[in-house]
């Protein structure tokens, strides 16, 4: 299946309707109709260094790259990011953490090391080993709270699946750092329905790789 080129990818919507559905608290009980939900949560380490490493890697496609996936990141043009809604976040007591607002045209966010962080509208074309086609996905929302950061991407035309996947890192009060992966998906065409057992196997393989991606050594040293 041919993937659209980078020049036209911005003109196409994601291939499903329940955008942002991975944020639903009851996703596992009530996924979008016809979709299979998945939720995995794993402790990836502890301490400030692990937290900084984990969220920065997450927000720069690091989970995917460290799992053996080649990522061609396409920064969203200003007309895509301008006016993007930034949702308000709340703490456990209901106090707003960040104000709701919109991004300015061309605004870019950077991590402590100067790396450009993901924004809603950013797109990537990924190549998974042993799968010949390139698969496109678009960032549909980001989470940027003091102790909780991450993003979700939605599938575009040319992806073997239809759906959304979220990667969220949390720094808890006990100094532990956790990665949560939430998704809902289904095969994108009858061809992939025929190969659904293989698709499921690949999902499991890469979910396991995602879980290990952020728990390895930091800066060449094993801090665990």
Foldseek 3Di string as FASTA:
>chain_A
DADDDPVCQLVFDFDDDPQPQLVDPCCCPDPPPPKHKDKDKDFQWFADVLQLLVQQCQQQVNLVVLLVKDKDKDAAAQVQQFFDWADWDADPVRHTQDDIDGDHRPDWDADPVGHTGDAFFIKIFMDDPPDPYTWIWTWHHWDDGPFKTWTKIAGHPPHQKGWMKIWMWGQDPVRIIMIMIMIIIDGPDVVVVVVVVVVVVVVVSSVVSSRNSSNQDDPPHRPD
